[in-house]
């Protein structure tokens, strides 16, 4: 079993958080805006979260590796 921080889901979550803040770190964002974006605010380059999500998933496909037997791997 993998640690959460090494999973695709964690990578996606961190990328979403960064893009939600317009690509700024927390410290940079606080200097520029003085606050965090609200739930429905989107400071990223794309028009909205859904548009960003579709592009990000195409660029970072989710691969599941399944061990069928000790000599056979299936990557989907």
Protein backbone atom coordinates (compact mmCIF):
# COMPACT_ATOMS: atom_id res chain seq x y z
CA UNK A 1 0.00 0.00 0.00
CA UNK A 2 1.30 3.45 -0.94
CA UNK A 3 1.51 6.45 1.32
CA UNK A 4 -1.13 9.06 0.42
CA UNK A 5 1.46 11.69 -0.51
CA UNK A 6 2.83 9.49 -3.28
CA UNK A 7 -0.55 8.94 -4.96
CA UNK A 8 -2.10 10.54 -8.03
CA UNK A 9 -4.96 11.84 -5.88
CA UNK A 10 -2.56 13.82 -3.68
CA UNK A 11 -0.69 15.20 -6.71
CA UNK A 12 -4.05 16.32 -8.16
CA UNK A 13 -5.13 17.92 -4.89
CA UNK A 14 -1.88 19.91 -4.54
CA UNK A 15 -2.05 21.07 -8.16
CA UNK A 16 -5.70 22.13 -7.72
CA UNK A 17 -4.90 24.10 -4.56
CA UNK A 18 -2.00 25.88 -6.26
CA UNK A 19 -4.05 26.77 -9.35
CA UNK A 20 -7.01 27.87 -7.19
CA UNK A 21 -4.65 30.50 -5.75
CA UNK A 22 -3.54 31.62 -9.22
CA UNK A 23 -0.27 29.70 -9.09
CA UNK A 24 0.92 31.56 -5.99
CA UNK A 25 2.26 30.00 -2.82
CA UNK A 26 0.35 30.81 0.36
CA UNK A 27 2.88 33.50 1.37
CA UNK A 28 2.89 35.11 -2.10
CA UNK A 29 -0.92 35.07 -2.19
CA UNK A 30 -1.21 36.74 1.21
CA UNK A 31 1.23 39.48 0.13
CA UNK A 32 -0.64 40.08 -3.15
CA UNK A 33 -4.30 39.70 -2.07
CA UNK A 34 -4.16 39.64 1.73
CA UNK A 35 -6.57 36.70 1.85
CA UNK A 36 -7.37 33.24 0.55
CA UNK A 37 -9.81 32.79 -2.36
CA UNK A 38 -13.35 31.89 -1.32
CA UNK A 39 -14.79 28.50 -2.21
CA UNK A 40 -16.22 29.56 -5.56
CA UNK A 41 -13.48 32.04 -6.54
CA UNK A 42 -10.98 30.86 -9.13
CA UNK A 43 -7.75 32.82 -9.50
CA UNK A 44 -6.16 30.40 -11.99
CA UNK A 45 -5.35 31.08 -15.64
CA UNK A 46 -8.21 28.91 -16.92
CA UNK A 47 -11.78 30.21 -16.86
CA UNK A 48 -12.87 27.88 -14.06
CA UNK A 49 -12.06 24.73 -12.09
CA UNK A 50 -13.76 22.34 -14.54
CA UNK A 51 -11.76 23.68 -17.50
CA UNK A 52 -8.51 23.39 -15.52
CA UNK A 53 -9.38 19.88 -14.29
CA UNK A 54 -9.99 18.55 -17.82
CA UNK A 55 -6.65 19.92 -19.07
CA UNK A 56 -4.73 18.69 -16.01
CA UNK A 57 -6.09 15.14 -16.22
CA UNK A 58 -5.15 14.91 -19.92
CA UNK A 59 -1.62 16.08 -19.06
CA UNK A 60 -1.37 13.81 -15.98
CA UNK A 61 -3.30 10.59 -16.69
CA UNK A 62 -4.30 8.43 -13.76
CA UNK A 63 -2.67 5.03 -14.06
CA UNK A 64 -3.64 2.12 -11.91
CA UNK A 65 -1.15 -0.69 -11.64
CA UNK A 66 -2.62 -4.03 -10.71
CA UNK A 67 -0.55 -7.03 -9.76
CA UNK A 68 -2.23 -10.10 -11.22
CA UNK A 69 0.49 -12.53 -10.33
CA UNK A 70 4.12 -12.28 -9.31
CA UNK A 71 5.18 -12.22 -12.98
CA UNK A 72 2.38 -10.17 -14.56
CA UNK A 73 1.48 -6.46 -14.24
CA UNK A 74 -1.51 -4.70 -15.78
CA UNK A 75 -1.34 -0.93 -16.28
CA UNK A 76 -4.60 0.78 -17.10
